[in-house]
Amino acid sequence: MKTESATVKIPIKVLESVDTLDELEDWLTAQNPRIMQELAQARRDDLAGKFKPWKPRHVSCPTKSK
């Protein structure tokens, strides 16, 4: 059984080059083979016309101002 490490190694050059947490998150996402395979498959499906049109869902968010 393979155990996964809870430690993620990030090269110093990457840490020095990111300006925002979003950029760091993008880099981390790109390092995950499973996510990248899913994104590639989604792109292939899109190019082949196999996709579902996006329909926004309205989720009410109660605020104290209303």
PDB file of N, CA and C in Angstrom:
ATOM      1  N   MET A   1       0.842  -1.172   0.000  1.00  0.00           N
ATOM      2  CA  MET A   1       0.000   0.000   0.000  1.00  0.00           C
ATOM      3  C   MET A   1       0.893   1.243   0.000  1.00  0.00           C
ATOM      4  N   LYS A   2       0.609   2.172  -0.907  1.00  0.00           N
ATOM      5  CA  LYS A   2       1.388   3.397  -1.002  1.00  0.00           C
ATOM      6  C   LYS A   2       0.768   4.466  -0.109  1.00  0.00           C
ATOM      7  N   THR A   3       1.585   5.078   0.710  1.00  0.00           N
ATOM      8  CA  THR A   3       1.080   6.164   1.542  1.00  0.00           C
ATOM      9  C   THR A   3       1.505   7.493   0.934  1.00  0.00           C
ATOM     10  N   GLU A   4       0.612   8.458   1.013  1.00  0.00           N
ATOM     11  CA  GLU A   4       0.911   9.772   0.471  1.00  0.00           C
ATOM     12  C   GLU A   4       1.475  10.662   1.568  1.00  0.00           C
ATOM     13  N   SER A   5       2.434  11.458   1.182  1.00  0.00           N
ATOM     14  CA  SER A   5       3.039  12.385   2.120  1.00  0.00           C
ATOM     15  C   SER A   5       2.150  13.611   2.290  1.00  0.00           C
ATOM     16  N   ALA A   6       2.123  14.144   3.480  1.00  0.00           N
ATOM     17  CA  ALA A   6       1.349  15.359   3.740  1.00  0.00           C
ATOM     18  C   ALA A   6       2.171  16.601   3.412  1.00  0.00           C
ATOM     19  N   THR A   7       3.409  16.397   2.987  1.00  0.00           N
ATOM     20  CA  THR A   7       4.295  17.508   2.678  1.00  0.00           C
ATOM     21  C   THR A   7       4.339  17.744   1.177  1.00  0.00           C
ATOM     22  N   VAL A   8       4.180  18.999   0.789  1.00  0.00           N
ATOM     23  CA  VAL A   8       4.289  19.379  -0.614  1.00  0.00           C
ATOM     24  C   VAL A   8       5.564  20.184  -0.763  1.00  0.00           C
ATOM     25  N   LYS A   9       6.435  19.745  -1.662  1.00  0.00           N
ATOM     26  CA  LYS A   9       7.684  20.465  -1.893  1.00  0.00           C
ATOM     27  C   LYS A   9       7.469  21.479  -3.010  1.00  0.00           C
ATOM     28  N   ILE A  10       7.718  22.737  -2.690  1.00  0.00           N
ATOM     29  CA  ILE A  10       7.570  23.816  -3.659  1.00  0.00           C
ATOM     30  C   ILE A  10       8.948  24.434  -3.864  1.00  0.00           C
ATOM     31  N   PRO A  11       9.417  24.448  -5.111  1.00  0.00           N
ATOM     32  CA  PRO A  11      10.732  25.041  -5.362  1.00  0.00           C
ATOM     33  C   PRO A  11      10.785  26.517  -4.947  1.00  0.00           C
ATOM     34  N   ILE A  12      11.924  26.934  -4.443  1.00  0.00           N
ATOM     35  CA  ILE A  12      12.096  28.321  -4.006  1.00  0.00           C
ATOM     36  C   ILE A  12      11.807  29.287  -5.146  1.00  0.00           C
ATOM     37  N   LYS A  13      12.231  28.944  -6.365  1.00  0.00           N
ATOM     38  CA  LYS A  13      11.989  29.833  -7.511  1.00  0.00           C
ATOM     39  C   LYS A  13      10.501  30.054  -7.740  1.00  0.00           C
ATOM     40  N   VAL A  14       9.698  29.028  -7.496  1.00  0.00           N
ATOM     41  CA  VAL A  14       8.247  29.179  -7.648  1.00  0.00           C
ATOM     42  C   VAL A  14       7.722  30.133  -6.580  1.00  0.00           C
ATOM     43  N   LEU A  15       8.136  29.919  -5.341  1.00  0.00           N
ATOM     44  CA  LEU A  15       7.675  30.797  -4.258  1.00  0.00           C
ATOM     45  C   LEU A  15       8.098  32.244  -4.487  1.00  0.00           C
ATOM     46  N   GLU A  16       9.298  32.434  -5.024  1.00  0.00           N
ATOM     47  CA  GLU A  16       9.774  33.795  -5.275  1.00  0.00           C
ATOM     48  C   GLU A  16       9.062  34.448  -6.454  1.00  0.00           C
ATOM     49  N   SER A  17       8.514  33.644  -7.353  1.00  0.00           N
ATOM     50  CA  SER A  17       7.915  34.208  -8.566  1.00  0.00           C
ATOM     51  C   SER A  17       6.418  34.484  -8.446  1.00  0.00           C
ATOM     52  N   VAL A  18       5.748  33.901  -7.464  1.00  0.00           N
ATOM     53  CA  VAL A  18       4.302  34.119  -7.357  1.00  0.00           C
ATOM     54  C   VAL A  18       4.017  35.422  -6.616  1.00  0.00           C
ATOM     55  N   ASP A  19       3.023  36.145  -7.135  1.00  0.00           N
ATOM     56  CA  ASP A  19       2.632  37.401  -6.498  1.00  0.00           C
ATOM     57  C   ASP A  19       1.370  37.250  -5.661  1.00  0.00           C
ATOM     58  N   THR A  20       0.577  36.231  -5.968  1.00  0.00           N
ATOM     59  CA  THR A  20      -0.688  36.054  -5.253  1.00  0.00           C
ATOM     60  C   THR A  20      -0.877  34.588  -4.884  1.00  0.00           C
ATOM     61  N   LEU A  21      -1.776  34.343  -3.969  1.00  0.00           N
ATOM     62  CA  LEU A  21      -2.099  32.960  -3.609  1.00  0.00           C
ATOM     63  C   LEU A  21      -2.763  32.242  -4.777  1.00  0.00           C
ATOM     64  N   ASP A  22      -3.485  32.980  -5.629  1.00  0.00           N
ATOM     65  CA  ASP A  22      -4.097  32.369  -6.815  1.00  0.00           C
ATOM     66  C   ASP A  22      -3.033  31.782  -7.734  1.00  0.00           C
ATOM     67  N   GLU A  23      -1.929  32.501  -7.903  1.00  0.00           N
ATOM     68  CA  GLU A  23      -0.845  31.990  -8.743  1.00  0.00           C
ATOM     69  C   GLU A  23      -0.240  30.724  -8.142  1.00  0.00           C
ATOM     70  N   LEU A  24      -0.077  30.714  -6.835  1.00  0.00           N
ATOM     71  CA  LEU A  24       0.454  29.518  -6.173  1.00  0.00           C
ATOM     72  C   LEU A  24      -0.525  28.361  -6.320  1.00  0.00           C
ATOM     73  N   GLU A  25      -1.811  28.642  -6.175  1.00  0.00           N
ATOM     74  CA  GLU A  25      -2.826  27.602  -6.348  1.00  0.00           C
ATOM     75  C   GLU A  25      -2.802  27.057  -7.778  1.00  0.00           C
ATOM     76  N   ASP A  26      -2.622  27.934  -8.763  1.00  0.00           N
ATOM     77  CA  ASP A  26      -2.519  27.487 -10.156  1.00  0.00           C
ATOM     78  C   ASP A  26      -1.331  26.547 -10.334  1.00  0.00           C
ATOM     79  N   TRP A  27      -0.199  26.892  -9.736  1.00  0.00           N
ATOM     80  CA  TRP A  27       0.986  26.047  -9.855  1.00  0.00           C
ATOM     81  C   TRP A  27       0.738  24.692  -9.191  1.00  0.00           C
ATOM     82  N   LEU A  28       0.152  24.714  -8.003  1.00  0.00           N
ATOM     83  CA  LEU A  28      -0.132  23.458  -7.304  1.00  0.00           C
ATOM     84  C   LEU A  28      -1.099  22.590  -8.099  1.00  0.00           C
ATOM     85  N   THR A  29      -2.108  23.202  -8.698  1.00  0.00           N
ATOM     86  CA  THR A  29      -3.069  22.464  -9.520  1.00  0.00           C
ATOM     87  C   THR A  29      -2.364  21.812 -10.699  1.00  0.00           C
ATOM     88  N   ALA A  30      -1.461  22.558 -11.333  1.00  0.00           N
ATOM     89  CA  ALA A  30      -0.745  22.037 -12.497  1.00  0.00           C
ATOM     90  C   ALA A  30       0.176  20.875 -12.130  1.00  0.00           C
ATOM     91  N   GLN A  31       0.511  20.728 -10.870  1.00  0.00           N
ATOM     92  CA  GLN A  31       1.382  19.636 -10.425  1.00  0.00           C
ATOM     93  C   GLN A  31       0.603  18.371 -10.091  1.00  0.00           C
ATOM     94  N   ASN A  32      -0.727  18.433 -10.123  1.00  0.00           N
ATOM     95  CA  ASN A  32      -1.568  17.291  -9.769  1.00  0.00           C
ATOM     96  C   ASN A  32      -1.980  16.547 -11.040  1.00  0.00           C
ATOM     97  N   PRO A  33      -1.396  15.369 -11.300  1.00  0.00           N
ATOM     98  CA  PRO A  33      -1.688  14.646 -12.543  1.00  0.00           C
ATOM     99  C   PRO A  33      -3.165  14.297 -12.713  1.00  0.00           C
ATOM    100  N   ARG A  34      -3.853  13.969 -11.638  1.00  0.00           N
ATOM    101  CA  ARG A  34      -5.271  13.607 -11.751  1.00  0.00           C
ATOM    102  C   ARG A  34      -6.099  14.792 -12.230  1.00  0.00           C
ATOM    103  N   ILE A  35      -5.865  15.942 -11.643  1.00  0.00           N
ATOM    104  CA  ILE A  35      -6.612  17.132 -12.054  1.00  0.00           C
ATOM    105  C   ILE A  35      -6.283  17.492 -13.498  1.00  0.00           C
ATOM    106  N   MET A  36      -5.020  17.409 -13.863  1.00  0.00           N
ATOM    107  CA  MET A  36      -4.630  17.765 -15.230  1.00  0.00           C
ATOM    108  C   MET A  36      -5.249  16.801 -16.243  1.00  0.00           C
ATOM    109  N   GLN A  37      -5.354  15.510 -15.895  1.00  0.00           N
ATOM    110  CA  GLN A  37      -6.009  14.547 -16.787  1.00  0.00           C
ATOM    111  C   GLN A  37      -7.488  14.877 -16.940  1.00  0.00           C
ATOM    112  N   GLU A  38      -8.139  15.242 -15.839  1.00  0.00           N
ATOM    113  CA  GLU A  38      -9.558  15.599 -15.903  1.00  0.00           C
ATOM    114  C   GLU A  38      -9.769  16.853 -16.746  1.00  0.00           C
ATOM    115  N   LEU A  39      -8.892  17.832 -16.604  1.00  0.00           N
ATOM    116  CA  LEU A  39      -9.003  19.051 -17.409  1.00  0.00           C
ATOM    117  C   LEU A  39      -8.771  18.765 -18.889  1.00  0.00           C
ATOM    118  N   ALA A  40      -7.788  17.912 -19.180  1.00  0.00           N
ATOM    119  CA  ALA A  40      -7.517  17.550 -20.574  1.00  0.00           C
ATOM    120  C   ALA A  40      -8.703  16.808 -21.175  1.00  0.00           C
ATOM    121  N   GLN A  41      -9.312  15.915 -20.403  1.00  0.00           N
ATOM    122  CA  GLN A  41     -10.483  15.185 -20.893  1.00  0.00           C
ATOM    123  C   GLN A  41     -11.652  16.141 -21.123  1.00  0.00           C
ATOM    124  N   ALA A  42     -11.839  17.077 -20.227  1.00  0.00           N
ATOM    125  CA  ALA A  42     -12.914  18.065 -20.393  1.00  0.00           C
ATOM    126  C   ALA A  42     -12.691  18.883 -21.658  1.00  0.00           C
ATOM    127  N   ARG A  43     -11.446  19.231 -21.935  1.00  0.00           N
ATOM    128  CA  ARG A  43     -11.141  19.997 -23.155  1.00  0.00           C
ATOM    129  C   ARG A  43     -11.407  19.155 -24.394  1.00  0.00           C
ATOM    130  N   ARG A  44     -11.001  17.881 -24.372  1.00  0.00           N
ATOM    131  CA  ARG A  44     -11.268  16.992 -25.518  1.00  0.00           C
ATOM    132  C   ARG A  44     -12.770  16.852 -25.740  1.00  0.00           C
ATOM    133  N   ASP A  45     -13.519  16.671 -24.664  1.00  0.00           N
ATOM    134  CA  ASP A  45     -14.978  16.574 -24.770  1.00  0.00           C
ATOM    135  C   ASP A  45     -15.562  17.854 -25.354  1.00  0.00           C
ATOM    136  N   ASP A  46     -15.054  18.992 -24.920  1.00  0.00           N
ATOM    137  CA  ASP A  46     -15.541  20.273 -25.425  1.00  0.00           C
ATOM    138  C   ASP A  46     -15.267  20.401 -26.922  1.00  0.00           C
ATOM    139  N   LEU A  47     -14.061  20.071 -27.336  1.00  0.00           N
ATOM    140  CA  LEU A  47     -13.708  20.164 -28.756  1.00  0.00           C
ATOM    141  C   LEU A  47     -14.529  19.201 -29.606  1.00  0.00           C
ATOM    142  N   ALA A  48     -14.927  18.065 -29.023  1.00  0.00           N
ATOM    143  CA  ALA A  48     -15.725  17.071 -29.744  1.00  0.00           C
ATOM    144  C   ALA A  48     -17.218  17.393 -29.688  1.00  0.00           C
ATOM    145  N   GLY A  49     -17.580  18.479 -29.034  1.00  0.00           N
ATOM    146  CA  GLY A  49     -18.988  18.861 -28.937  1.00  0.00           C
ATOM    147  C   GLY A  49     -19.760  18.103 -27.879  1.00  0.00           C
ATOM    148  N   LYS A  50     -19.058  17.376 -27.022  1.00  0.00           N
ATOM    149  CA  LYS A  50     -19.707  16.611 -25.952  1.00  0.00           C
ATOM    150  C   LYS A  50     -19.634  17.405 -24.648  1.00  0.00           C
ATOM    151  N   PHE A  51     -20.546  18.305 -24.493  1.00  0.00           N
ATOM    152  CA  PHE A  51     -20.556  19.089 -23.275  1.00  0.00           C
ATOM    153  C   PHE A  51     -21.984  19.472 -22.932  1.00  0.00           C
ATOM    154  N   LYS A  52     -22.172  19.841 -21.694  1.00  0.00           N
ATOM    155  CA  LYS A  52     -23.479  20.303 -21.246  1.00  0.00           C
ATOM    156  C   LYS A  52     -23.401  21.822 -21.133  1.00  0.00           C
ATOM    157  N   PRO A  53     -24.381  22.516 -21.691  1.00  0.00           N
ATOM    158  CA  PRO A  53     -24.367  23.968 -21.528  1.00  0.00           C
ATOM    159  C   PRO A  53     -24.421  24.335 -20.043  1.00  0.00           C
ATOM    160  N   TRP A  54     -23.686  25.348 -19.689  1.00  0.00           N
ATOM    161  CA  TRP A  54     -23.640  25.784 -18.308  1.00  0.00           C
ATOM    162  C   TRP A  54     -24.887  26.569 -17.979  1.00  0.00           C
ATOM    163  N   LYS A  55     -25.516  26.206 -16.891  1.00  0.00           N
ATOM    164  CA  LYS A  55     -26.695  26.926 -16.420  1.00  0.00           C
ATOM    165  C   LYS A  55     -26.400  27.384 -14.994  1.00  0.00           C
ATOM    166  N   PRO A  56     -26.357  28.687 -14.792  1.00  0.00           N
ATOM    167  CA  PRO A  56     -26.061  29.165 -13.439  1.00  0.00           C
ATOM    168  C   PRO A  56     -27.161  28.787 -12.463  1.00  0.00           C
ATOM    169  N   ARG A  57     -26.755  28.481 -11.259  1.00  0.00           N
ATOM    170  CA  ARG A  57     -27.711  28.174 -10.196  1.00  0.00           C
ATOM    171  C   ARG A  57     -27.796  29.385  -9.290  1.00  0.00           C
ATOM    172  N   HIS A  58     -28.995  29.758  -8.969  1.00  0.00           N
ATOM    173  CA  HIS A  58     -29.153  30.866  -8.028  1.00  0.00           C
ATOM    174  C   HIS A  58     -29.249  30.276  -6.627  1.00  0.00           C
ATOM    175  N   VAL A  59     -28.345  30.677  -5.813  1.00  0.00           N
ATOM    176  CA  VAL A  59     -28.365  30.247  -4.421  1.00  0.00           C
ATOM    177  C   VAL A  59     -28.558  31.506  -3.590  1.00  0.00           C
ATOM    178  N   SER A  60     -29.662  31.560  -2.905  1.00  0.00           N
ATOM    179  CA  SER A  60     -29.916  32.764  -2.117  1.00  0.00           C
ATOM    180  C   SER A  60     -28.926  32.855  -0.967  1.00  0.00           C
ATOM    181  N   CYS A  61     -28.496  34.040  -0.744  1.00  0.00           N
ATOM    182  CA  CYS A  61     -27.539  34.289   0.327  1.00  0.00           C
ATOM    183  C   CYS A  61     -28.143  35.344   1.241  1.00  0.00           C
ATOM    184  N   PRO A  62     -28.790  34.910   2.309  1.00  0.00           N
ATOM    185  CA  PRO A  62     -29.446  35.886   3.181  1.00  0.00           C
ATOM    186  C   PRO A  62     -28.425  36.809   3.844  1.00  0.00           C
ATOM    187  N   THR A  63     -28.762  38.067   3.842  1.00  0.00           N
ATOM    188  CA  THR A  63     -27.898  39.038   4.515  1.00  0.00           C
ATOM    189  C   THR A  63     -28.718  39.775   5.560  1.00  0.00           C
ATOM    190  N   LYS A  64     -28.040  40.395   6.462  1.00  0.00           N
ATOM    191  CA  LYS A  64     -28.726  41.134   7.520  1.00  0.00           C
ATOM    192  C   LYS A  64     -29.337  42.425   6.989  1.00  0.00           C
ATOM    193  N   SER A  65     -28.883  42.863   5.810  1.00  0.00           N
ATOM    194  CA  SER A  65     -29.367  44.138   5.283  1.00  0.00           C
ATOM    195  C   SER A  65     -30.753  44.022   4.660  1.00  0.00           C
ATOM    196  N   LYS A  66     -31.237  42.822   4.443  1.00  0.00           N
ATOM    197  CA  LYS A  66     -32.553  42.660   3.800  1.00  0.00           C
ATOM    198  C   LYS A  66     -33.563  42.122   4.772  1.00  0.00           C
TER     199      LYS A  66
END
